[in-house]
Amino acid sequence: KRFSNVISAALVKELREKSGAGMMDCKKALQDESVQGDMEKALDWLRSKGIARATSQATRNASEGVIAIYTSNNNQNITMAEVNSETDFVSRNDDFHLFLHNVLQTIHQLPNNNNNNNN
């Protein structure tokens, strides 16, 4: 159910900045009958729907990681890749390094990878 009063664009914008949720989700939250334009209730409404939480995960910074180099058997071709994670614990994990190795091998085996000798 929706609240009958008109919700201002400024209020929707403020909720969007606080929650990171989309504009239409914020508008729906503010118009909900249980919320009736209340900012804190709207934030709770978004959290209960999983909308605010998912957005906060999307904005996390992946500042840790590893850069690795893969060289062909004849040392003619080299592939370099960087894979990042949120924590140094992940980037030091053996599974993470295996994943990076697999990424490098996959990139190295791409058909166009060996044709760019000038780059």
C-alpha atoms as a PDB file:
ATOM      1  CA  LYS A   1       0.000   0.000   0.000  1.00  0.00           C
ATOM      2  CA  ARG A   2       1.138   3.496  -0.711  1.00  0.00           C
ATOM      3  CA  PHE A   3       1.020   6.717   1.245  1.00  0.00           C
ATOM      4  CA  SER A   4      -1.244   9.227  -0.503  1.00  0.00           C
ATOM      5  CA  ASN A   5       0.900  12.353  -0.016  1.00  0.00           C
ATOM      6  CA  VAL A   6       3.310  13.391  -2.742  1.00  0.00           C
ATOM      7  CA  ILE A   7       6.965  12.663  -1.949  1.00  0.00           C
ATOM      8  CA  SER A   8       9.411  15.390  -2.984  1.00  0.00           C
ATOM      9  CA  ALA A   9      12.295  14.706  -5.324  1.00  0.00           C
ATOM     10  CA  ALA A  10      14.656  16.117  -2.692  1.00  0.00           C
ATOM     11  CA  LEU A  11      13.494  13.524  -0.145  1.00  0.00           C
ATOM     12  CA  VAL A  12      13.942  10.714  -2.688  1.00  0.00           C
ATOM     13  CA  LYS A  13      17.414  12.046  -3.490  1.00  0.00           C
ATOM     14  CA  GLU A  14      18.356  12.178   0.190  1.00  0.00           C
ATOM     15  CA  LEU A  15      17.216   8.590   0.753  1.00  0.00           C
ATOM     16  CA  ARG A  16      19.071   7.483  -2.357  1.00  0.00           C
ATOM     17  CA  GLU A  17      22.302   9.075  -1.086  1.00  0.00           C
ATOM     18  CA  LYS A  18      21.914   7.482   2.347  1.00  0.00           C
ATOM     19  CA  SER A  19      20.996   4.009   1.128  1.00  0.00           C
ATOM     20  CA  GLY A  20      22.602   3.744  -2.300  1.00  0.00           C
ATOM     21  CA  ALA A  21      19.337   2.244  -3.574  1.00  0.00           C
ATOM     22  CA  GLY A  22      17.806   3.147  -6.924  1.00  0.00           C
ATOM     23  CA  MET A  23      15.514   6.106  -7.380  1.00  0.00           C
ATOM     24  CA  MET A  24      12.334   4.067  -7.902  1.00  0.00           C
ATOM     25  CA  ASP A  25      13.078   1.843  -4.894  1.00  0.00           C
ATOM     26  CA  CYS A  26      13.542   4.932  -2.736  1.00  0.00           C
ATOM     27  CA  LYS A  27      10.307   6.431  -4.004  1.00  0.00           C
ATOM     28  CA  LYS A  28       8.423   3.182  -3.287  1.00  0.00           C
ATOM     29  CA  ALA A  29       9.916   3.021   0.192  1.00  0.00           C
ATOM     30  CA  LEU A  30       8.908   6.585   1.033  1.00  0.00           C
ATOM     31  CA  GLN A  31       5.392   6.085  -0.362  1.00  0.00           C
ATOM     32  CA  ASP A  32       4.765   2.852   1.518  1.00  0.00           C
ATOM     33  CA  GLU A  33       1.840   3.126   3.937  1.00  0.00           C
ATOM     34  CA  SER A  34       3.951   1.927   6.887  1.00  0.00           C
ATOM     35  CA  VAL A  35       6.658   4.528   6.119  1.00  0.00           C
ATOM     36  CA  GLN A  36       4.595   7.609   5.197  1.00  0.00           C
ATOM     37  CA  GLY A  37       7.598   9.681   4.165  1.00  0.00           C
ATOM     38  CA  ASP A  38       9.708   8.999   7.289  1.00  0.00           C
ATOM     39  CA  MET A  39      13.410   8.737   6.356  1.00  0.00           C
ATOM     40  CA  GLU A  40      14.430   6.222   9.053  1.00  0.00           C
ATOM     41  CA  LYS A  41      11.434   3.997   8.363  1.00  0.00           C
ATOM     42  CA  ALA A  42      12.233   4.172   4.650  1.00  0.00           C
ATOM     43  CA  LEU A  43      15.817   3.040   5.328  1.00  0.00           C
ATOM     44  CA  ASP A  44      14.463   0.143   7.412  1.00  0.00           C
ATOM     45  CA  TRP A  45      12.010  -0.710   4.609  1.00  0.00           C
ATOM     46  CA  LEU A  46      14.853  -0.832   2.059  1.00  0.00           C
ATOM     47  CA  ARG A  47      16.980  -2.973   4.379  1.00  0.00           C
ATOM     48  CA  SER A  48      14.103  -5.386   4.941  1.00  0.00           C
ATOM     49  CA  LYS A  49      13.820  -5.820   1.170  1.00  0.00           C
ATOM     50  CA  GLY A  50      17.581  -6.341   0.875  1.00  0.00           C
ATOM     51  CA  ILE A  51      17.946  -3.304  -1.380  1.00  0.00           C
ATOM     52  CA  ALA A  52      20.168  -1.083   0.793  1.00  0.00           C
ATOM     53  CA  ARG A  53      22.469  -3.929   1.832  1.00  0.00           C
ATOM     54  CA  ALA A  54      23.140  -5.153  -1.701  1.00  0.00           C
ATOM     55  CA  THR A  55      24.125  -1.694  -2.797  1.00  0.00           C
ATOM     56  CA  SER A  56      26.577  -1.226   0.061  1.00  0.00           C
ATOM     57  CA  GLN A  57      28.337  -4.434  -0.966  1.00  0.00           C
ATOM     58  CA  ALA A  58      28.658  -3.127  -4.506  1.00  0.00           C
ATOM     59  CA  THR A  59      30.517  -0.043  -3.312  1.00  0.00           C
ATOM     60  CA  ARG A  60      33.201  -1.866  -1.349  1.00  0.00           C
ATOM     61  CA  ASN A  61      36.778  -1.170  -2.341  1.00  0.00           C
ATOM     62  CA  ALA A  62      38.857  -4.097  -3.597  1.00  0.00           C
ATOM     63  CA  SER A  63      42.248  -2.592  -2.789  1.00  0.00           C
ATOM     64  CA  GLU A  64      44.224  -5.768  -2.052  1.00  0.00           C
ATOM     65  CA  GLY A  65      45.346  -8.219  -4.679  1.00  0.00           C
ATOM     66  CA  VAL A  66      48.075  -9.792  -6.734  1.00  0.00           C
ATOM     67  CA  ILE A  67      49.737  -9.025 -10.051  1.00  0.00           C
ATOM     68  CA  ALA A  68      51.101 -12.082 -11.826  1.00  0.00           C
ATOM     69  CA  ILE A  69      52.892 -12.842 -15.081  1.00  0.00           C
ATOM     70  CA  TYR A  70      52.513 -15.944 -17.222  1.00  0.00           C
ATOM     71  CA  THR A  71      55.225 -16.735 -19.783  1.00  0.00           C
ATOM     72  CA  SER A  72      54.999 -19.139 -22.729  1.00  0.00           C
ATOM     73  CA  ASN A  73      57.396 -22.085 -22.866  1.00  0.00           C
ATOM     74  CA  ASN A  74      59.577 -20.333 -25.461  1.00  0.00           C
ATOM     75  CA  ASN A  75      59.474 -17.000 -23.567  1.00  0.00           C
ATOM     76  CA  GLN A  76      58.100 -15.336 -26.715  1.00  0.00           C
ATOM     77  CA  ASN A  77      54.750 -14.320 -25.208  1.00  0.00           C
ATOM     78  CA  ILE A  78      53.961 -12.896 -21.809  1.00  0.00           C
ATOM     79  CA  THR A  79      50.585 -12.297 -20.189  1.00  0.00           C
ATOM     80  CA  MET A  80      50.114 -10.113 -17.126  1.00  0.00           C
ATOM     81  CA  ALA A  81      46.968  -9.822 -14.992  1.00  0.00           C
ATOM     82  CA  GLU A  82      45.904  -8.164 -11.770  1.00  0.00           C
ATOM     83  CA  VAL A  83      43.144  -9.622  -9.610  1.00  0.00           C
ATOM     84  CA  ASN A  84      41.950  -7.682  -6.573  1.00  0.00           C
ATOM     85  CA  SER A  85      40.081  -8.586  -3.404  1.00  0.00           C
ATOM     86  CA  GLU A  86      38.703  -6.718  -0.419  1.00  0.00           C
ATOM     87  CA  THR A  87      41.206  -8.110   2.098  1.00  0.00           C
ATOM     88  CA  ASP A  88      44.823  -9.209   2.159  1.00  0.00           C
ATOM     89  CA  PHE A  89      43.702 -12.508   3.735  1.00  0.00           C
ATOM     90  CA  VAL A  90      41.946 -13.415   0.504  1.00  0.00           C
ATOM     91  CA  SER A  91      44.814 -12.294  -1.728  1.00  0.00           C
ATOM     92  CA  ARG A  92      47.261 -14.504   0.213  1.00  0.00           C
ATOM     93  CA  ASN A  93      45.031 -17.587  -0.020  1.00  0.00           C
ATOM     94  CA  ASP A  94      46.187 -20.541  -2.172  1.00  0.00           C
ATOM     95  CA  ASP A  95      42.780 -20.750  -3.869  1.00  0.00           C
ATOM     96  CA  PHE A  96      43.088 -17.089  -4.869  1.00  0.00           C
ATOM     97  CA  HIS A  97      46.497 -17.751  -6.423  1.00  0.00           C
ATOM     98  CA  LEU A  98      45.152 -20.799  -8.258  1.00  0.00           C
ATOM     99  CA  PHE A  99      42.296 -18.659  -9.584  1.00  0.00           C
ATOM    100  CA  LEU A 100      44.779 -16.027 -10.784  1.00  0.00           C
ATOM    101  CA  HIS A 101      46.892 -18.730 -12.466  1.00  0.00           C
ATOM    102  CA  ASN A 102      43.782 -20.046 -14.256  1.00  0.00           C
ATOM    103  CA  VAL A 103      42.846 -16.516 -15.360  1.00  0.00           C
ATOM    104  CA  LEU A 104      46.343 -15.995 -16.773  1.00  0.00           C
ATOM    105  CA  GLN A 105      46.285 -19.299 -18.652  1.00  0.00           C
ATOM    106  CA  THR A 106      42.875 -18.532 -20.101  1.00  0.00           C
ATOM    107  CA  ILE A 107      43.935 -15.073 -21.284  1.00  0.00           C
ATOM    108  CA  HIS A 108      47.215 -16.422 -22.632  1.00  0.00           C
ATOM    109  CA  GLN A 109      45.411 -19.046 -24.713  1.00  0.00           C
ATOM    110  CA  LEU A 110      43.004 -16.605 -26.374  1.00  0.00           C
ATOM    111  CA  PRO A 111      43.424 -16.654 -30.163  1.00  0.00           C
ATOM    112  CA  ASN A 112      44.274 -12.947 -30.524  1.00  0.00           C
ATOM    113  CA  ASN A 113      46.707 -12.882 -27.622  1.00  0.00           C
ATOM    114  CA  ASN A 114      49.667 -14.158 -29.642  1.00  0.00           C
ATOM    115  CA  ASN A 115      49.026 -11.897 -32.651  1.00  0.00           C
ATOM    116  CA  ASN A 116      49.820  -8.606 -30.915  1.00  0.00           C
ATOM    117  CA  ASN A 117      53.610  -8.698 -31.025  1.00  0.00           C
ATOM    118  CA  ASN A 118      53.893  -4.901 -31.331  1.00  0.00           C
ATOM    119  CA  ASN A 119      51.983  -4.069 -28.139  1.00  0.00           C
END
